[in-house]
Structures are given as structure tokens and as C-alpha cells.
């Protein structure tokens, strides 16, 4: 299992993360939420690794555009999971599955460097 980066291609943070990995010579696969959706079994793993509060991006445009009832329905893990499957853009990006099966959320080059042997 190699490195898989999950996100949307026009997200600035995802662009930075992918460019950083390429600059380090770290081969990776990109999974586009918009075109390929969120694999439910992977979302389960991400929720276990990071927690729904960290994975649910309440700062983004997608969240702010949701009506109050939809936001309120995401007040626990089950509701957040359902929203993430229905609207993948509310997932904080990028989500990375590393070769060692660990999962990280967000871009942190200082944390990523040791993962790729730098």
C-alpha cells in the first residue's frame, strides 16, 4: 500500500500537499472526492483515526452554505458521517493514507517528512 491523497483538485491545501509530495519524490495516488466519491470503508477508518470533529470542516465554504438544520444534523458522529458521504467537500483536506496504514488530516510538511524518510 502506497500513499493515497484524498481531496478535491481545486483545493489550495490539496494542491500544496501534492506539490510538496512531488517535490520530495514521494509517489502517491490522488483520489478525487468530486469524481470518485468517498469510499465508505475508508471514511470509517478516517473517523476512527482522526475523529469526526477533526474530519468535519466547519470553516469551509461548503459548511457555511448548508442550512441550519443540515448543520445541526451533523452534531454527532453518525450525522457527520452521513453528511460527509453526501457532501464530501465538508471533509477537511487532504486526508492521507500512508504506506504504514496511518491516516492524517490536513497538510503538515514537518509531520509528513519523517513518514517519507526525509
N, C-alpha and C. Protein backbone atom coordinates (compact mmCIF):
# COMPACT_ATOMS: atom_id res chain seq x y z
N UNK A 1 0.84 -1.18 0.00
CA UNK A 1 0.00 0.00 0.00
C UNK A 1 0.89 1.25 0.00
N UNK A 2 0.68 2.12 -0.97
CA UNK A 2 1.47 3.34 -1.07
C UNK A 2 0.77 4.50 -0.38
N UNK A 3 1.07 5.69 -0.83
CA UNK A 3 0.47 6.90 -0.28
C UNK A 3 -0.72 7.28 -1.16
N UNK A 4 -1.87 7.48 -0.53
CA UNK A 4 -3.05 7.95 -1.24
C UNK A 4 -3.51 9.26 -0.62
N UNK A 5 -3.66 10.26 -1.46
CA UNK A 5 -4.12 11.57 -1.04
C UNK A 5 -5.57 11.72 -1.50
N UNK A 6 -6.45 12.01 -0.55
CA UNK A 6 -7.87 12.19 -0.83
C UNK A 6 -8.21 13.67 -0.70
N UNK A 7 -8.99 14.17 -1.66
CA UNK A 7 -9.40 15.56 -1.60
C UNK A 7 -10.06 15.98 -2.89
N UNK A 8 -10.08 17.30 -3.11
CA UNK A 8 -10.61 17.84 -4.35
C UNK A 8 -9.49 18.62 -5.03
N UNK A 9 -9.39 18.52 -6.36
CA UNK A 9 -8.22 19.06 -7.05
C UNK A 9 -8.08 20.58 -6.98
N UNK A 10 -9.17 21.32 -6.81
CA UNK A 10 -9.06 22.77 -6.79
C UNK A 10 -8.84 23.35 -5.40
N UNK A 11 -8.71 22.51 -4.39
CA UNK A 11 -8.44 22.95 -3.02
C UNK A 11 -6.97 23.37 -2.91
N UNK A 12 -6.74 24.59 -2.43
CA UNK A 12 -5.36 25.10 -2.33
C UNK A 12 -4.49 24.22 -1.44
N UNK A 13 -5.03 23.73 -0.33
CA UNK A 13 -4.24 22.90 0.58
C UNK A 13 -3.88 21.58 -0.08
N UNK A 14 -4.80 21.01 -0.81
CA UNK A 14 -4.53 19.77 -1.54
C UNK A 14 -3.46 20.01 -2.60
N UNK A 15 -3.54 21.13 -3.30
CA UNK A 15 -2.53 21.46 -4.31
C UNK A 15 -1.15 21.56 -3.67
N UNK A 16 -1.07 22.25 -2.53
CA UNK A 16 0.22 22.40 -1.83
C UNK A 16 0.76 21.04 -1.39
N UNK A 17 -0.13 20.21 -0.85
CA UNK A 17 0.29 18.90 -0.37
C UNK A 17 0.80 18.03 -1.51
N UNK A 18 0.09 18.01 -2.61
CA UNK A 18 0.52 17.20 -3.75
C UNK A 18 1.83 17.72 -4.34
N UNK A 19 1.96 19.03 -4.41
CA UNK A 19 3.20 19.62 -4.93
C UNK A 19 4.37 19.29 -4.01
N UNK A 20 4.14 19.33 -2.70
CA UNK A 20 5.20 19.02 -1.73
C UNK A 20 5.63 17.57 -1.89
N UNK A 21 4.66 16.66 -1.97
CA UNK A 21 4.99 15.24 -2.14
C UNK A 21 5.79 15.03 -3.43
N UNK A 22 5.37 15.67 -4.51
CA UNK A 22 6.08 15.54 -5.79
C UNK A 22 7.50 16.09 -5.68
N UNK A 23 7.66 17.22 -5.00
CA UNK A 23 8.99 17.82 -4.84
C UNK A 23 9.91 16.93 -4.01
N UNK A 24 9.34 16.13 -3.13
CA UNK A 24 10.12 15.21 -2.30
C UNK A 24 10.37 13.89 -3.01
N UNK A 25 9.80 13.72 -4.19
CA UNK A 25 9.95 12.47 -4.92
C UNK A 25 9.11 11.34 -4.35
N UNK A 26 8.07 11.69 -3.60
CA UNK A 26 7.20 10.68 -2.97
C UNK A 26 6.04 10.37 -3.91
N UNK A 27 6.06 9.18 -4.47
CA UNK A 27 4.98 8.78 -5.35
C UNK A 27 3.69 8.63 -4.54
N UNK A 28 2.60 9.07 -5.15
CA UNK A 28 1.31 8.97 -4.47
C UNK A 28 0.20 8.89 -5.51
N UNK A 29 -0.93 8.43 -5.05
CA UNK A 29 -2.13 8.34 -5.87
C UNK A 29 -3.09 9.40 -5.34
N UNK A 30 -3.77 10.09 -6.25
CA UNK A 30 -4.76 11.09 -5.85
C UNK A 30 -6.16 10.54 -6.08
N UNK A 31 -7.00 10.66 -5.06
CA UNK A 31 -8.40 10.24 -5.14
C UNK A 31 -9.26 11.49 -5.04
N UNK A 32 -9.97 11.80 -6.10
CA UNK A 32 -10.80 12.99 -6.20
C UNK A 32 -12.20 12.72 -5.64
N UNK A 33 -12.51 13.37 -4.50
CA UNK A 33 -13.83 13.21 -3.88
C UNK A 33 -14.96 13.55 -4.84
N UNK A 34 -14.77 14.59 -5.63
CA UNK A 34 -15.85 15.07 -6.51
C UNK A 34 -16.20 14.04 -7.57
N UNK A 35 -15.18 13.42 -8.16
CA UNK A 35 -15.41 12.47 -9.24
C UNK A 35 -15.60 11.04 -8.74
N UNK A 36 -14.86 10.66 -7.69
CA UNK A 36 -14.85 9.26 -7.26
C UNK A 36 -15.63 9.02 -5.97
N UNK A 37 -16.08 10.07 -5.32
CA UNK A 37 -16.82 9.92 -4.07
C UNK A 37 -15.90 9.54 -2.92
N UNK A 38 -16.52 9.32 -1.78
CA UNK A 38 -15.78 8.92 -0.58
C UNK A 38 -16.08 7.45 -0.33
N UNK A 39 -15.06 6.59 -0.35
CA UNK A 39 -15.31 5.17 -0.07
C UNK A 39 -15.76 5.01 1.39
N UNK A 40 -16.96 4.49 1.62
CA UNK A 40 -17.48 4.39 2.99
C UNK A 40 -16.55 3.66 3.97
N UNK A 41 -15.88 2.60 3.49
CA UNK A 41 -15.00 1.85 4.39
C UNK A 41 -13.77 2.69 4.76
N UNK A 42 -13.33 3.55 3.87
CA UNK A 42 -12.21 4.43 4.17
C UNK A 42 -12.65 5.52 5.14
N UNK A 43 -13.87 6.05 4.96
CA UNK A 43 -14.39 7.06 5.88
C UNK A 43 -14.45 6.50 7.29
N UNK A 44 -14.85 5.25 7.43
CA UNK A 44 -14.87 4.61 8.74
C UNK A 44 -13.48 4.61 9.37
N UNK A 45 -12.48 4.27 8.59
CA UNK A 45 -11.10 4.24 9.06
C UNK A 45 -10.63 5.65 9.46
N UNK A 46 -10.99 6.65 8.65
CA UNK A 46 -10.59 8.03 8.94
C UNK A 46 -11.24 8.52 10.23
N UNK A 47 -12.50 8.18 10.41
CA UNK A 47 -13.21 8.59 11.63
C UNK A 47 -12.57 7.96 12.86
N UNK A 48 -12.18 6.70 12.74
CA UNK A 48 -11.51 6.03 13.85
C UNK A 48 -10.15 6.65 14.14
N UNK A 49 -9.42 7.03 13.09
CA UNK A 49 -8.07 7.56 13.25
C UNK A 49 -8.06 9.01 13.73
N UNK A 50 -8.94 9.83 13.18
CA UNK A 50 -8.88 11.27 13.44
C UNK A 50 -10.02 11.81 14.29
N UNK A 51 -11.14 11.10 14.29
CA UNK A 51 -12.32 11.60 14.99
C UNK A 51 -13.16 12.49 14.09
N UNK A 52 -14.45 12.44 14.28
CA UNK A 52 -15.35 13.18 13.39
C UNK A 52 -15.21 14.69 13.54
N UNK A 53 -14.87 15.16 14.75
CA UNK A 53 -14.74 16.60 14.96
C UNK A 53 -13.59 17.18 14.12
N UNK A 54 -12.50 16.45 14.01
CA UNK A 54 -11.36 16.91 13.21
C UNK A 54 -11.63 16.78 11.72
N UNK A 55 -12.33 15.73 11.34
CA UNK A 55 -12.57 15.45 9.93
C UNK A 55 -13.62 16.38 9.32
N UNK A 56 -14.57 16.83 10.12
CA UNK A 56 -15.64 17.70 9.62
C UNK A 56 -15.14 19.14 9.57
N UNK A 57 -15.06 19.69 8.38
CA UNK A 57 -14.54 21.05 8.19
C UNK A 57 -15.68 22.06 8.34
N UNK A 58 -15.75 22.66 9.51
CA UNK A 58 -16.79 23.66 9.77
C UNK A 58 -16.34 25.07 9.37
N UNK A 59 -15.14 25.20 8.82
CA UNK A 59 -14.63 26.51 8.42
C UNK A 59 -14.82 26.78 6.92
N UNK A 60 -15.12 25.75 6.17
CA UNK A 60 -15.15 25.88 4.71
C UNK A 60 -16.43 26.44 4.14
N UNK A 61 -16.36 26.79 2.87
CA UNK A 61 -17.49 27.35 2.15
C UNK A 61 -18.67 26.39 2.11
N UNK A 62 -18.40 25.11 1.89
CA UNK A 62 -19.49 24.13 1.80
C UNK A 62 -20.30 24.13 3.09
N UNK A 63 -19.63 24.10 4.24
CA UNK A 63 -20.31 24.10 5.53
C UNK A 63 -21.16 25.37 5.69
N UNK A 64 -20.59 26.49 5.36
CA UNK A 64 -21.29 27.77 5.54
C UNK A 64 -22.52 27.87 4.65
N UNK A 65 -22.52 27.18 3.52
CA UNK A 65 -23.66 27.21 2.61
C UNK A 65 -24.79 26.27 3.05
N UNK A 66 -24.51 25.38 3.99
CA UNK A 66 -25.54 24.43 4.44
C UNK A 66 -26.57 25.16 5.30
N UNK A 67 -27.82 24.70 5.24
CA UNK A 67 -28.84 25.29 6.09
C UNK A 67 -28.64 24.83 7.54
N UNK A 68 -29.25 25.54 8.44
CA UNK A 68 -29.05 25.29 9.88
C UNK A 68 -29.46 23.87 10.27
N UNK A 69 -30.51 23.36 9.68
CA UNK A 69 -30.98 22.00 10.01
C UNK A 69 -29.96 20.95 9.60
N UNK A 70 -29.34 21.13 8.44
CA UNK A 70 -28.33 20.18 7.97
C UNK A 70 -27.10 20.25 8.87
N UNK A 71 -26.69 21.46 9.24
CA UNK A 71 -25.56 21.61 10.15
C UNK A 71 -25.86 20.97 11.49
N UNK A 72 -27.05 21.17 12.00
CA UNK A 72 -27.43 20.61 13.30
C UNK A 72 -27.46 19.08 13.26
N UNK A 73 -27.82 18.51 12.11
CA UNK A 73 -27.87 17.05 11.99
C UNK A 73 -26.47 16.44 12.06
N UNK A 74 -25.43 17.25 11.87
CA UNK A 74 -24.04 16.76 11.91
C UNK A 74 -23.42 16.99 13.29
N UNK A 75 -24.24 16.95 14.32
CA UNK A 75 -23.77 17.24 15.68
C UNK A 75 -23.20 16.03 16.41
N UNK A 76 -23.19 14.88 15.75
CA UNK A 76 -22.58 13.68 16.34
C UNK A 76 -21.92 12.88 15.21
N UNK A 77 -21.26 11.80 15.58
CA UNK A 77 -20.51 11.05 14.57
C UNK A 77 -21.40 10.50 13.47
N UNK A 78 -22.56 9.96 13.83
CA UNK A 78 -23.44 9.38 12.81
C UNK A 78 -23.92 10.45 11.83
N UNK A 79 -24.32 11.60 12.34
CA UNK A 79 -24.78 12.67 11.48
C UNK A 79 -23.66 13.25 10.63
N UNK A 80 -22.48 13.39 11.22
CA UNK A 80 -21.33 13.91 10.48
C UNK A 80 -20.94 12.93 9.37
N UNK A 81 -20.96 11.65 9.68
CA UNK A 81 -20.62 10.63 8.68
C UNK A 81 -21.59 10.70 7.49
N UNK A 82 -22.88 10.78 7.79
CA UNK A 82 -23.88 10.86 6.73
C UNK A 82 -23.66 12.10 5.86
N UNK A 83 -23.36 13.23 6.49
CA UNK A 83 -23.10 14.46 5.75
C UNK A 83 -21.85 14.32 4.89
N UNK A 84 -20.78 13.73 5.43
CA UNK A 84 -19.54 13.57 4.68
C UNK A 84 -19.73 12.68 3.46
N UNK A 85 -20.56 11.67 3.59
CA UNK A 85 -20.82 10.81 2.43
C UNK A 85 -21.66 11.54 1.38
N UNK A 86 -22.61 12.35 1.84
CA UNK A 86 -23.48 13.07 0.92
C UNK A 86 -22.79 14.29 0.30
N UNK A 87 -21.94 14.97 1.09
CA UNK A 87 -21.27 16.18 0.65
C UNK A 87 -19.78 16.09 0.98
N UNK A 88 -19.01 15.37 0.20
CA UNK A 88 -17.59 15.15 0.52
C UNK A 88 -16.78 16.44 0.73
N UNK A 89 -17.23 17.54 0.18
CA UNK A 89 -16.48 18.79 0.33
C UNK A 89 -16.45 19.30 1.77
N UNK A 90 -17.25 18.72 2.66
CA UNK A 90 -17.19 19.14 4.08
C UNK A 90 -16.09 18.40 4.84
N UNK A 91 -15.38 17.51 4.17
CA UNK A 91 -14.28 16.79 4.81
C UNK A 91 -13.04 17.68 4.75
N UNK A 92 -12.37 17.84 5.89
CA UNK A 92 -11.12 18.60 5.91
C UNK A 92 -10.11 17.89 5.03
N UNK A 93 -9.35 18.68 4.28
CA UNK A 93 -8.45 18.12 3.29
C UNK A 93 -7.01 18.59 3.52
N UNK A 94 -6.09 17.79 2.97
CA UNK A 94 -6.28 16.44 2.42
C UNK A 94 -6.33 15.39 3.54
N UNK A 95 -6.96 14.29 3.22
CA UNK A 95 -6.86 13.10 4.05
C UNK A 95 -5.83 12.22 3.36
N UNK A 96 -4.84 11.76 4.11
CA UNK A 96 -3.78 10.95 3.51
C UNK A 96 -3.72 9.60 4.21
N UNK A 97 -3.74 8.56 3.42
CA UNK A 97 -3.48 7.20 3.91
C UNK A 97 -2.04 6.90 3.53
N UNK A 98 -1.22 6.69 4.53
CA UNK A 98 0.21 6.46 4.33
C UNK A 98 0.51 4.98 4.12
N UNK A 99 1.69 4.69 3.65
CA UNK A 99 2.11 3.32 3.36
C UNK A 99 2.03 2.42 4.59
N UNK A 100 2.18 3.02 5.80
CA UNK A 100 2.11 2.23 7.03
C UNK A 100 0.69 2.10 7.57
N UNK A 101 -0.30 2.48 6.77
CA UNK A 101 -1.73 2.41 7.10
C UNK A 101 -2.19 3.49 8.07
N UNK A 102 -1.31 4.42 8.42
CA UNK A 102 -1.72 5.54 9.26
C UNK A 102 -2.51 6.54 8.41
N UNK A 103 -3.34 7.34 9.10
CA UNK A 103 -4.16 8.34 8.43
C UNK A 103 -3.87 9.70 9.05
N UNK A 104 -3.68 10.71 8.18
CA UNK A 104 -3.54 12.08 8.67
C UNK A 104 -4.56 12.96 7.96
N UNK A 105 -4.90 14.07 8.61
CA UNK A 105 -5.85 15.02 8.05
C UNK A 105 -5.19 16.40 8.05
N UNK A 106 -5.20 17.05 6.89
CA UNK A 106 -4.56 18.35 6.76
C UNK A 106 -3.14 18.19 6.25
N UNK A 107 -2.53 19.33 5.90
CA UNK A 107 -1.18 19.32 5.35
C UNK A 107 -0.21 19.87 6.38
N UNK A 108 0.75 19.05 6.77
CA UNK A 108 1.77 19.44 7.75
C UNK A 108 3.11 18.86 7.31
N UNK A 109 3.87 19.60 6.49
CA UNK A 109 5.13 19.05 5.96
C UNK A 109 6.10 18.60 7.04
N UNK A 110 6.11 19.27 8.18
CA UNK A 110 7.02 18.88 9.25
C UNK A 110 6.67 17.50 9.82
N UNK A 111 5.39 17.13 9.76
CA UNK A 111 4.97 15.80 10.20
C UNK A 111 5.09 14.78 9.08
N UNK A 112 4.96 15.24 7.86
CA UNK A 112 5.00 14.34 6.72
C UNK A 112 6.41 13.89 6.37
N UNK A 113 7.38 14.77 6.56
CA UNK A 113 8.76 14.45 6.16
C UNK A 113 9.27 13.13 6.73
N UNK A 114 9.10 12.87 8.05
CA UNK A 114 9.59 11.59 8.57
C UNK A 114 8.84 10.38 7.98
N UNK A 115 7.60 10.60 7.57
CA UNK A 115 6.81 9.50 7.01
C UNK A 115 7.34 9.03 5.67
N UNK A 116 8.01 9.96 4.95
CA UNK A 116 8.57 9.58 3.65
C UNK A 116 10.07 9.46 3.69
N UNK A 117 10.62 9.42 4.89
CA UNK A 117 12.06 9.20 5.07
C UNK A 117 12.91 10.42 4.82
N UNK A 118 12.39 11.60 5.09
CA UNK A 118 13.16 12.84 4.91
C UNK A 118 13.50 13.44 6.26
